[in-house]
Amino acid sequence: MTAFNTHKENEKRNKVLVILSIILWLLLATTLIYLLFGLMGAKSSTLPTTNSSKISFQADANASENTLKAKADAIAALNQKVKDGEINISMNTNPVFANGQAKGTLMITNNTINKYPQMVEIYTKDNHTLVYSGGVEVGQKIETSNLAVNLSKGTYDCIAYFNAVDPTTGTKMGTAAANITITVQS
């Protein structure tokens, strides 16, 4: 009889535990539902209500410009500045001169897609001597010209700088460069 009583007591204890578990789950579910709907109710009850379709607008003095718009405007301005300073350069990269005082085949062109006249300066790489300087308007070209100095017979590695110049202000708007080799034949 003792084993039977122990088994009955275990069944009663298990039933009590199941009933207590169900009660705890119901309490937990009720609490969660209350909290969920209570918070949602609190949010919706704080919204202002108005019967009018008109709102009196007054700007806050502390408001500032939208930073995304300001950044986009700044980028657009910089892109325009770059576009204004773009230079399309064109010249003979191997001009030949019969001698240091003769005209050579420079073939410098200021293409019509450029916005500004160009001041072209050519310097030797070894000692940075200015060997040519001349301006060319938009849409014009210099086929042949003389050097600024009388170079001896030989080959000279040089750098040609194309400076876009605002004709009104004289401001340098941009610079491009090209490596060239000048040959003086005698």
N, C-alpha and C. Protein backbone atom coordinates (compact mmCIF):
# COMPACT_ATOMS: atom_id res chain seq x y z
N MET A 1 0.80 -1.18 0.00
CA MET A 1 0.00 0.00 0.00
C MET A 1 0.85 1.25 0.00
N THR A 2 1.99 1.16 0.47
CA THR A 2 2.88 2.31 0.50
C THR A 2 3.26 2.72 -0.92
N ALA A 3 3.52 1.76 -1.77
CA ALA A 3 3.90 2.09 -3.15
C ALA A 3 2.73 2.74 -3.86
N PHE A 4 1.50 2.26 -3.55
CA PHE A 4 0.32 2.83 -4.18
C PHE A 4 0.11 4.27 -3.73
N ASN A 5 0.30 4.53 -2.45
CA ASN A 5 0.15 5.89 -1.92
C ASN A 5 1.20 6.82 -2.52
N THR A 6 2.39 6.34 -2.66
CA THR A 6 3.46 7.16 -3.22
C THR A 6 3.15 7.50 -4.67
N HIS A 7 2.61 6.52 -5.37
CA HIS A 7 2.27 6.77 -6.77
C HIS A 7 1.14 7.78 -6.87
N LYS A 8 0.13 7.68 -6.00
CA LYS A 8 -0.99 8.62 -5.97
C LYS A 8 -0.49 10.01 -5.59
N GLU A 9 0.39 10.08 -4.63
CA GLU A 9 0.94 11.38 -4.22
C GLU A 9 1.72 12.01 -5.35
N ASN A 10 2.47 11.24 -6.11
CA ASN A 10 3.23 11.76 -7.26
C ASN A 10 2.29 12.29 -8.33
N GLU A 11 1.18 11.58 -8.56
CA GLU A 11 0.20 12.04 -9.54
C GLU A 11 -0.41 13.36 -9.11
N LYS A 12 -0.76 13.46 -7.81
CA LYS A 12 -1.33 14.71 -7.29
C LYS A 12 -0.32 15.84 -7.43
N ARG A 13 0.90 15.58 -7.08
CA ARG A 13 1.94 16.60 -7.16
C ARG A 13 2.14 17.03 -8.62
N ASN A 14 2.13 16.10 -9.55
CA ASN A 14 2.30 16.43 -10.97
C ASN A 14 1.13 17.26 -11.46
N LYS A 15 -0.11 16.92 -11.04
CA LYS A 15 -1.28 17.70 -11.44
C LYS A 15 -1.18 19.12 -10.89
N VAL A 16 -0.73 19.25 -9.65
CA VAL A 16 -0.59 20.57 -9.05
C VAL A 16 0.46 21.38 -9.82
N LEU A 17 1.56 20.73 -10.16
CA LEU A 17 2.62 21.42 -10.91
C LEU A 17 2.10 21.85 -12.29
N VAL A 18 1.33 21.03 -12.96
CA VAL A 18 0.79 21.37 -14.27
C VAL A 18 -0.17 22.54 -14.13
N ILE A 19 -1.03 22.50 -13.13
CA ILE A 19 -2.00 23.57 -12.91
C ILE A 19 -1.26 24.87 -12.58
N LEU A 20 -0.24 24.79 -11.71
CA LEU A 20 0.55 25.99 -11.38
C LEU A 20 1.26 26.54 -12.62
N SER A 21 1.79 25.67 -13.47
CA SER A 21 2.47 26.11 -14.70
C SER A 21 1.49 26.82 -15.62
N ILE A 22 0.30 26.28 -15.75
CA ILE A 22 -0.71 26.91 -16.61
C ILE A 22 -1.08 28.28 -16.06
N ILE A 23 -1.27 28.37 -14.74
CA ILE A 23 -1.61 29.65 -14.12
C ILE A 23 -0.49 30.67 -14.35
N LEU A 24 0.77 30.25 -14.18
CA LEU A 24 1.90 31.16 -14.40
C LEU A 24 1.97 31.63 -15.85
N TRP A 25 1.75 30.72 -16.80
CA TRP A 25 1.76 31.09 -18.21
C TRP A 25 0.63 32.07 -18.54
N LEU A 26 -0.53 31.86 -17.96
CA LEU A 26 -1.65 32.77 -18.17
C LEU A 26 -1.35 34.15 -17.59
N LEU A 27 -0.76 34.17 -16.38
CA LEU A 27 -0.39 35.46 -15.78
C LEU A 27 0.65 36.19 -16.64
N LEU A 28 1.62 35.45 -17.12
CA LEU A 28 2.67 36.03 -17.96
C LEU A 28 2.07 36.56 -19.27
N ALA A 29 1.21 35.80 -19.90
CA ALA A 29 0.57 36.22 -21.14
C ALA A 29 -0.29 37.45 -20.91
N THR A 30 -1.05 37.45 -19.82
CA THR A 30 -1.90 38.60 -19.50
C THR A 30 -1.06 39.85 -19.28
N THR A 31 0.03 39.70 -18.56
CA THR A 31 0.92 40.83 -18.30
C THR A 31 1.50 41.37 -19.60
N LEU A 32 1.96 40.47 -20.48
CA LEU A 32 2.53 40.91 -21.75
C LEU A 32 1.48 41.62 -22.60
N ILE A 33 0.27 41.09 -22.66
CA ILE A 33 -0.81 41.73 -23.43
C ILE A 33 -1.12 43.10 -22.86
N TYR A 34 -1.20 43.18 -21.54
CA TYR A 34 -1.49 44.46 -20.89
C TYR A 34 -0.40 45.49 -21.22
N LEU A 35 0.87 45.05 -21.10
CA LEU A 35 1.97 45.97 -21.39
C LEU A 35 1.96 46.41 -22.85
N LEU A 36 1.75 45.46 -23.74
CA LEU A 36 1.75 45.77 -25.16
C LEU A 36 0.64 46.75 -25.51
N PHE A 37 -0.57 46.44 -25.13
CA PHE A 37 -1.69 47.34 -25.45
C PHE A 37 -1.65 48.61 -24.62
N GLY A 38 -1.13 48.53 -23.43
CA GLY A 38 -1.02 49.72 -22.58
C GLY A 38 -0.05 50.72 -23.18
N LEU A 39 1.11 50.22 -23.72
CA LEU A 39 2.08 51.13 -24.34
C LEU A 39 1.54 51.70 -25.63
N MET A 40 0.87 50.89 -26.41
CA MET A 40 0.30 51.39 -27.66
C MET A 40 -0.78 52.41 -27.38
N GLY A 41 -1.56 52.17 -26.37
CA GLY A 41 -2.60 53.12 -26.00
C GLY A 41 -2.00 54.42 -25.52
N ALA A 42 -0.90 54.33 -24.78
CA ALA A 42 -0.24 55.54 -24.28
C ALA A 42 0.30 56.36 -25.43
N LYS A 43 0.86 55.71 -26.46
CA LYS A 43 1.39 56.44 -27.60
C LYS A 43 0.29 57.15 -28.37
N SER A 44 -0.79 56.45 -28.61
CA SER A 44 -1.84 57.08 -29.40
C SER A 44 -2.59 58.14 -28.62
N SER A 45 -2.63 58.04 -27.33
CA SER A 45 -3.38 59.03 -26.56
C SER A 45 -2.62 60.33 -26.41
N THR A 46 -1.30 60.33 -26.72
CA THR A 46 -0.52 61.56 -26.57
C THR A 46 -0.55 62.41 -27.84
N LEU A 47 -1.11 61.90 -28.94
CA LEU A 47 -1.16 62.69 -30.17
C LEU A 47 -2.16 63.83 -30.00
N PRO A 48 -1.77 65.01 -30.44
CA PRO A 48 -2.70 66.14 -30.32
C PRO A 48 -3.84 65.99 -31.32
N THR A 49 -4.96 66.47 -30.96
CA THR A 49 -6.10 66.44 -31.87
C THR A 49 -6.50 67.86 -32.19
N THR A 50 -6.96 68.06 -33.43
CA THR A 50 -7.39 69.38 -33.85
C THR A 50 -8.60 69.23 -34.75
N ASN A 51 -9.49 70.13 -34.66
CA ASN A 51 -10.67 70.10 -35.51
C ASN A 51 -10.47 70.99 -36.74
N SER A 52 -9.40 71.78 -36.77
CA SER A 52 -9.16 72.72 -37.84
C SER A 52 -8.26 72.10 -38.90
N SER A 53 -8.43 72.47 -40.16
CA SER A 53 -7.55 71.99 -41.22
C SER A 53 -6.41 72.97 -41.46
N LYS A 54 -6.34 74.04 -40.70
CA LYS A 54 -5.28 75.03 -40.82
C LYS A 54 -4.32 74.90 -39.65
N ILE A 55 -3.04 75.09 -39.98
CA ILE A 55 -2.00 75.06 -38.95
C ILE A 55 -1.22 76.35 -39.05
N SER A 56 -0.96 76.97 -37.94
CA SER A 56 -0.18 78.19 -37.92
C SER A 56 1.30 77.80 -37.92
N PHE A 57 2.01 78.11 -39.02
CA PHE A 57 3.42 77.74 -39.16
C PHE A 57 4.31 78.89 -38.74
N GLN A 58 5.28 78.57 -37.90
CA GLN A 58 6.28 79.55 -37.52
C GLN A 58 7.61 78.84 -37.51
N ALA A 59 8.54 79.31 -38.32
CA ALA A 59 9.85 78.67 -38.43
C ALA A 59 10.64 78.84 -37.14
N ASP A 60 11.36 77.80 -36.78
CA ASP A 60 12.22 77.84 -35.61
C ASP A 60 13.50 78.58 -35.99
N ALA A 61 13.90 79.56 -35.23
CA ALA A 61 15.09 80.35 -35.52
C ALA A 61 16.36 79.51 -35.45
N ASN A 62 16.30 78.34 -34.83
CA ASN A 62 17.47 77.48 -34.71
C ASN A 62 17.63 76.53 -35.89
N ALA A 63 16.71 76.55 -36.84
CA ALA A 63 16.79 75.65 -38.00
C ALA A 63 17.95 76.06 -38.88
N SER A 64 18.60 75.06 -39.48
CA SER A 64 19.70 75.34 -40.40
C SER A 64 19.45 74.60 -41.70
N GLU A 65 20.27 74.91 -42.70
CA GLU A 65 20.10 74.33 -44.02
C GLU A 65 20.33 72.83 -43.95
N ASN A 66 19.58 72.11 -44.75
CA ASN A 66 19.72 70.66 -44.84
C ASN A 66 21.15 70.34 -45.27
N THR A 67 21.87 69.57 -44.47
CA THR A 67 23.28 69.30 -44.77
C THR A 67 23.45 68.48 -46.04
N LEU A 68 22.50 67.61 -46.35
CA LEU A 68 22.62 66.85 -47.59
C LEU A 68 22.50 67.77 -48.80
N LYS A 69 21.57 68.73 -48.73
CA LYS A 69 21.42 69.68 -49.83
C LYS A 69 22.65 70.57 -49.91
N ALA A 70 23.15 71.00 -48.77
CA ALA A 70 24.34 71.86 -48.75
C ALA A 70 25.54 71.11 -49.34
N LYS A 71 25.70 69.83 -48.99
CA LYS A 71 26.80 69.04 -49.54
C LYS A 71 26.64 68.88 -51.04
N ALA A 72 25.42 68.59 -51.49
CA ALA A 72 25.17 68.42 -52.92
C ALA A 72 25.47 69.72 -53.67
N ASP A 73 25.07 70.86 -53.10
CA ASP A 73 25.36 72.15 -53.73
C ASP A 73 26.86 72.42 -53.79
N ALA A 74 27.56 72.08 -52.72
CA ALA A 74 29.02 72.28 -52.69
C ALA A 74 29.71 71.40 -53.73
N ILE A 75 29.27 70.17 -53.84
CA ILE A 75 29.86 69.25 -54.83
C ILE A 75 29.57 69.75 -56.24
N ALA A 76 28.36 70.23 -56.49
CA ALA A 76 28.02 70.76 -57.82
C ALA A 76 28.88 71.98 -58.15
N ALA A 77 29.11 72.85 -57.16
CA ALA A 77 29.95 74.03 -57.38
C ALA A 77 31.39 73.63 -57.68
N LEU A 78 31.90 72.64 -56.94
CA LEU A 78 33.27 72.16 -57.19
C LEU A 78 33.38 71.51 -58.56
N ASN A 79 32.38 70.71 -58.94
CA ASN A 79 32.40 70.08 -60.26
C ASN A 79 32.39 71.12 -61.36
N GLN A 80 31.62 72.21 -61.17
CA GLN A 80 31.59 73.29 -62.16
C GLN A 80 32.95 73.97 -62.24
N LYS A 81 33.59 74.16 -61.08
CA LYS A 81 34.92 74.79 -61.05
C LYS A 81 35.93 73.92 -61.81
N VAL A 82 35.84 72.61 -61.60
CA VAL A 82 36.74 71.69 -62.31
C VAL A 82 36.46 71.75 -63.81
N LYS A 83 35.17 71.73 -64.17
CA LYS A 83 34.80 71.79 -65.59
C LYS A 83 35.30 73.08 -66.22
N ASP A 84 35.16 74.19 -65.51
CA ASP A 84 35.63 75.47 -66.03
C ASP A 84 37.14 75.47 -66.25
N GLY A 85 37.87 74.72 -65.43
CA GLY A 85 39.32 74.69 -65.53
C GLY A 85 39.88 73.57 -66.40
N GLU A 86 38.99 72.75 -66.97
CA GLU A 86 39.46 71.66 -67.83
C GLU A 86 40.15 72.23 -69.06
N ILE A 87 41.23 71.57 -69.45
CA ILE A 87 41.99 72.03 -70.60
C ILE A 87 42.24 70.85 -71.52
N ASN A 88 41.89 71.02 -72.77
CA ASN A 88 42.21 70.02 -73.79
C ASN A 88 43.46 70.54 -74.48
N ILE A 89 44.56 69.78 -74.38
CA ILE A 89 45.82 70.26 -74.96
C ILE A 89 46.16 69.46 -76.21
N SER A 90 46.81 70.14 -77.13
CA SER A 90 47.21 69.50 -78.38
C SER A 90 48.44 70.21 -78.91
N MET A 91 49.49 69.42 -79.15
CA MET A 91 50.71 69.97 -79.78
C MET A 91 51.57 68.82 -80.30
N ASN A 92 52.52 69.15 -81.13
CA ASN A 92 53.49 68.18 -81.62
C ASN A 92 54.43 67.85 -80.46
N THR A 93 54.51 66.57 -80.09
CA THR A 93 55.37 66.19 -78.96
C THR A 93 56.83 66.02 -79.38
N ASN A 94 57.12 66.15 -80.67
CA ASN A 94 58.50 66.07 -81.16
C ASN A 94 58.76 67.18 -82.19
N PRO A 95 58.68 68.45 -81.77
CA PRO A 95 58.91 69.54 -82.73
C PRO A 95 60.38 69.57 -83.18
N VAL A 96 60.55 69.93 -84.45
CA VAL A 96 61.89 69.97 -85.04
C VAL A 96 62.17 71.40 -85.51
N PHE A 97 63.41 71.86 -85.20
CA PHE A 97 63.88 73.19 -85.61
C PHE A 97 65.15 73.00 -86.43
N ALA A 98 65.23 73.67 -87.59
CA ALA A 98 66.43 73.55 -88.43
C ALA A 98 67.67 74.03 -87.69
N ASN A 99 67.52 75.10 -86.91
CA ASN A 99 68.59 75.62 -86.06
C ASN A 99 67.93 76.36 -84.89
N GLY A 100 68.71 76.89 -83.98
CA GLY A 100 68.20 77.53 -82.79
C GLY A 100 67.42 78.81 -83.02
N GLN A 101 67.53 79.38 -84.26
CA GLN A 101 66.82 80.62 -84.56
C GLN A 101 65.69 80.43 -85.58
N ALA A 102 65.54 79.25 -86.11
CA ALA A 102 64.52 78.98 -87.12
C ALA A 102 63.18 78.62 -86.47
N LYS A 103 62.13 78.75 -87.28
CA LYS A 103 60.81 78.32 -86.80
C LYS A 103 60.76 76.80 -86.79
N GLY A 104 60.03 76.28 -85.77
CA GLY A 104 59.88 74.83 -85.67
C GLY A 104 58.41 74.42 -85.70
N THR A 105 58.18 73.13 -85.82
CA THR A 105 56.84 72.56 -86.00
C THR A 105 56.15 72.31 -84.65
N LEU A 106 55.71 73.36 -83.99
CA LEU A 106 55.08 73.22 -82.67
C LEU A 106 53.67 72.63 -82.76
N MET A 107 52.87 73.06 -83.72
CA MET A 107 51.49 72.58 -83.91
C MET A 107 50.66 72.66 -82.63
N ILE A 108 50.74 73.80 -81.93
CA ILE A 108 49.96 74.02 -80.71
C ILE A 108 48.54 74.43 -81.11
N THR A 109 47.55 73.73 -80.56
CA THR A 109 46.15 74.02 -80.87
C THR A 109 45.37 74.25 -79.59
N ASN A 110 44.59 75.34 -79.57
CA ASN A 110 43.67 75.58 -78.46
C ASN A 110 42.28 75.24 -79.01
N ASN A 111 41.85 74.02 -78.74
CA ASN A 111 40.60 73.50 -79.29
C ASN A 111 39.40 74.33 -78.86
N THR A 112 38.38 74.31 -79.71
CA THR A 112 37.17 75.09 -79.44
C THR A 112 36.39 74.58 -78.23
N ILE A 113 36.71 73.39 -77.74
CA ILE A 113 36.01 72.90 -76.54
C ILE A 113 36.58 73.54 -75.27
N ASN A 114 37.73 74.20 -75.39
CA ASN A 114 38.29 74.90 -74.24
C ASN A 114 37.53 76.19 -74.00
N LYS A 115 37.49 76.60 -72.76
CA LYS A 115 36.74 77.81 -72.38
C LYS A 115 37.62 79.06 -72.38
N TYR A 116 38.94 78.87 -72.21
CA TYR A 116 39.84 80.02 -72.02
C TYR A 116 41.00 79.99 -73.01
N PRO A 117 41.56 81.18 -73.28
CA PRO A 117 42.82 81.23 -74.03
C PRO A 117 43.91 80.50 -73.23
N GLN A 118 44.94 80.05 -73.93
CA GLN A 118 46.02 79.33 -73.26
C GLN A 118 47.34 80.05 -73.45
N MET A 119 48.09 80.09 -72.36
CA MET A 119 49.46 80.58 -72.41
C MET A 119 50.34 79.35 -72.31
N VAL A 120 51.10 79.08 -73.36
CA VAL A 120 51.92 77.87 -73.42
C VAL A 120 53.37 78.25 -73.12
N GLU A 121 53.96 77.51 -72.18
CA GLU A 121 55.36 77.72 -71.81
C GLU A 121 56.07 76.37 -71.87
N ILE A 122 57.23 76.37 -72.52
CA ILE A 122 58.02 75.14 -72.63
C ILE A 122 59.35 75.36 -71.91
N TYR A 123 59.65 74.45 -70.99
CA TYR A 123 60.89 74.50 -70.19
C TYR A 123 61.70 73.24 -70.44
N THR A 124 63.03 73.40 -70.46
CA THR A 124 63.89 72.21 -70.53
C THR A 124 63.83 71.49 -69.18
N LYS A 125 63.94 70.16 -69.22
CA LYS A 125 63.88 69.40 -67.96
C LYS A 125 65.18 69.49 -67.17
N ASP A 126 66.32 69.56 -67.87
CA ASP A 126 67.60 69.51 -67.16
C ASP A 126 67.88 70.75 -66.31
N ASN A 127 67.67 71.94 -66.88
CA ASN A 127 67.99 73.15 -66.11
C ASN A 127 66.81 74.14 -66.04
N HIS A 128 65.64 73.72 -66.45
CA HIS A 128 64.40 74.51 -66.35
C HIS A 128 64.49 75.87 -67.06
N THR A 129 65.15 75.87 -68.20
CA THR A 129 65.24 77.07 -69.01
C THR A 129 63.95 77.24 -69.81
N LEU A 130 63.38 78.44 -69.79
CA LEU A 130 62.20 78.73 -70.59
C LEU A 130 62.65 78.87 -72.04
N VAL A 131 62.20 77.95 -72.92
CA VAL A 131 62.63 77.99 -74.32
C VAL A 131 61.52 78.45 -75.26
N TYR A 132 60.27 78.50 -74.77
CA TYR A 132 59.18 79.01 -75.60
C TYR A 132 58.09 79.54 -74.69
N SER A 133 57.47 80.64 -75.13
CA SER A 133 56.33 81.21 -74.42
C SER A 133 55.45 81.89 -75.45
N GLY A 134 54.16 81.50 -75.49
CA GLY A 134 53.24 82.13 -76.44
C GLY A 134 51.80 81.84 -76.08
N GLY A 135 50.94 82.78 -76.42
CA GLY A 135 49.52 82.63 -76.14
C GLY A 135 48.76 82.24 -77.38
N VAL A 136 47.67 81.50 -77.16
CA VAL A 136 46.83 81.10 -78.29
C VAL A 136 45.36 81.17 -77.84
N GLU A 137 44.56 81.88 -78.63
CA GLU A 137 43.13 82.05 -78.34
C GLU A 137 42.38 80.75 -78.58
N VAL A 138 41.18 80.65 -78.01
CA VAL A 138 40.33 79.49 -78.23
C VAL A 138 40.00 79.39 -79.72
N GLY A 139 40.17 78.19 -80.28
CA GLY A 139 39.87 77.96 -81.69
C GLY A 139 41.02 78.31 -82.63
N GLN A 140 42.15 78.73 -82.09
CA GLN A 140 43.30 79.06 -82.94
C GLN A 140 44.42 78.04 -82.75
N LYS A 141 45.42 78.10 -83.66
CA LYS A 141 46.57 77.21 -83.55
C LYS A 141 47.85 77.94 -83.96
N ILE A 142 48.94 77.44 -83.46
CA ILE A 142 50.26 77.94 -83.84
C ILE A 142 50.97 76.77 -84.51
N GLU A 143 51.06 76.83 -85.84
CA GLU A 143 51.70 75.72 -86.56
C GLU A 143 53.21 75.75 -86.36
N THR A 144 53.81 76.90 -86.61
CA THR A 144 55.26 77.03 -86.44
C THR A 144 55.56 78.32 -85.68
N SER A 145 56.67 78.29 -84.93
CA SER A 145 57.10 79.49 -84.22
C SER A 145 58.56 79.34 -83.84
N ASN A 146 59.14 80.46 -83.43
CA ASN A 146 60.53 80.47 -83.00
C ASN A 146 60.62 80.17 -81.52
N LEU A 147 61.79 79.71 -81.11
CA LEU A 147 62.08 79.50 -79.69
C LEU A 147 62.45 80.84 -79.06
N ALA A 148 62.33 80.93 -77.77
CA ALA A 148 62.67 82.16 -77.03
C ALA A 148 64.17 82.27 -76.82
N VAL A 149 64.88 81.15 -76.93
CA VAL A 149 66.34 81.15 -76.77
C VAL A 149 66.96 80.41 -77.96
N ASN A 150 68.20 80.71 -78.23
CA ASN A 150 68.92 80.08 -79.34
C ASN A 150 69.56 78.79 -78.82
N LEU A 151 68.88 77.67 -79.02
CA LEU A 151 69.42 76.38 -78.56
C LEU A 151 70.45 75.84 -79.55
N SER A 152 71.48 75.21 -79.04
CA SER A 152 72.49 74.56 -79.87
C SER A 152 71.92 73.28 -80.46
N LYS A 153 72.65 72.74 -81.44
CA LYS A 153 72.25 71.47 -82.05
C LYS A 153 72.10 70.41 -80.95
N GLY A 154 71.01 69.62 -81.07
CA GLY A 154 70.82 68.56 -80.08
C GLY A 154 69.35 68.24 -79.83
N THR A 155 69.17 67.33 -78.90
CA THR A 155 67.82 66.90 -78.51
C THR A 155 67.60 67.33 -77.07
N TYR A 156 66.44 67.91 -76.80
CA TYR A 156 66.14 68.46 -75.48
C TYR A 156 64.83 67.89 -74.94
N ASP A 157 64.91 67.24 -73.80
CA ASP A 157 63.69 66.79 -73.11
C ASP A 157 63.09 68.00 -72.42
N CYS A 158 61.80 68.23 -72.69
CA CYS A 158 61.15 69.43 -72.16
C CYS A 158 59.76 69.09 -71.60
N ILE A 159 59.21 70.07 -70.91
CA ILE A 159 57.83 70.00 -70.42
C ILE A 159 57.10 71.23 -70.96
N ALA A 160 55.96 70.97 -71.63
CA ALA A 160 55.13 72.06 -72.14
C ALA A 160 53.96 72.25 -71.17
N TYR A 161 53.84 73.45 -70.64
CA TYR A 161 52.75 73.78 -69.71
C TYR A 161 51.70 74.60 -70.46
N PHE A 162 50.46 74.15 -70.38
CA PHE A 162 49.34 74.85 -70.98
C PHE A 162 48.55 75.49 -69.84
N ASN A 163 48.57 76.80 -69.77
CA ASN A 163 47.89 77.53 -68.70
C ASN A 163 46.64 78.19 -69.26
N ALA A 164 45.47 77.78 -68.76
CA ALA A 164 44.21 78.43 -69.15
C ALA A 164 44.13 79.74 -68.38
N VAL A 165 43.88 80.84 -69.09
CA VAL A 165 43.90 82.17 -68.48
C VAL A 165 42.57 82.89 -68.75
N ASP A 166 41.96 83.39 -67.69
CA ASP A 166 40.75 84.19 -67.84
C ASP A 166 41.16 85.50 -68.49
N PRO A 167 40.64 85.81 -69.69
CA PRO A 167 41.09 87.01 -70.41
C PRO A 167 40.68 88.32 -69.73
N THR A 168 39.66 88.28 -68.90
CA THR A 168 39.20 89.49 -68.22
C THR A 168 40.06 89.82 -67.01
N THR A 169 40.35 88.81 -66.20
CA THR A 169 41.07 89.05 -64.95
C THR A 169 42.54 88.68 -65.01
N GLY A 170 42.93 87.86 -65.99
CA GLY A 170 44.31 87.38 -66.06
C GLY A 170 44.57 86.24 -65.09
N THR A 171 43.54 85.75 -64.41
CA THR A 171 43.69 84.66 -63.44
C THR A 171 43.93 83.34 -64.15
N LYS A 172 44.89 82.58 -63.64
CA LYS A 172 45.16 81.26 -64.17
C LYS A 172 44.04 80.33 -63.69
N MET A 173 43.30 79.73 -64.63
CA MET A 173 42.14 78.91 -64.30
C MET A 173 42.49 77.43 -64.20
N GLY A 174 43.62 77.03 -64.73
CA GLY A 174 44.04 75.63 -64.69
C GLY A 174 45.29 75.45 -65.50
N THR A 175 45.99 74.35 -65.25
CA THR A 175 47.23 74.06 -65.96
C THR A 175 47.28 72.58 -66.32
N ALA A 176 47.75 72.30 -67.51
CA ALA A 176 48.01 70.92 -67.94
C ALA A 176 49.43 70.90 -68.48
N ALA A 177 50.04 69.73 -68.48
CA ALA A 177 51.43 69.63 -68.93
C ALA A 177 51.62 68.41 -69.80
N ALA A 178 52.63 68.48 -70.67
CA ALA A 178 52.96 67.35 -71.54
C ALA A 178 54.48 67.28 -71.69
N ASN A 179 54.99 66.08 -71.70
CA ASN A 179 56.41 65.87 -71.97
C ASN A 179 56.62 65.93 -73.48
N ILE A 180 57.61 66.69 -73.91
CA ILE A 180 57.93 66.77 -75.33
C ILE A 180 59.44 66.68 -75.50
N THR A 181 59.85 66.44 -76.75
CA THR A 181 61.28 66.41 -77.07
C THR A 181 61.51 67.36 -78.24
N ILE A 182 62.33 68.37 -78.01
CA ILE A 182 62.66 69.33 -79.07
C ILE A 182 63.97 68.89 -79.71
N THR A 183 63.96 68.91 -81.05
CA THR A 183 65.18 68.57 -81.78
C THR A 183 65.64 69.80 -82.57
N VAL A 184 66.90 70.18 -82.35
CA VAL A 184 67.52 71.27 -83.12
C VAL A 184 68.53 70.59 -84.03
N GLN A 185 68.33 70.72 -85.37
CA GLN A 185 69.15 69.94 -86.31
C GLN A 185 70.56 70.49 -86.53
N SER A 186 70.76 71.78 -86.42
CA SER A 186 72.13 72.29 -86.61
C SER A 186 72.40 73.52 -85.79
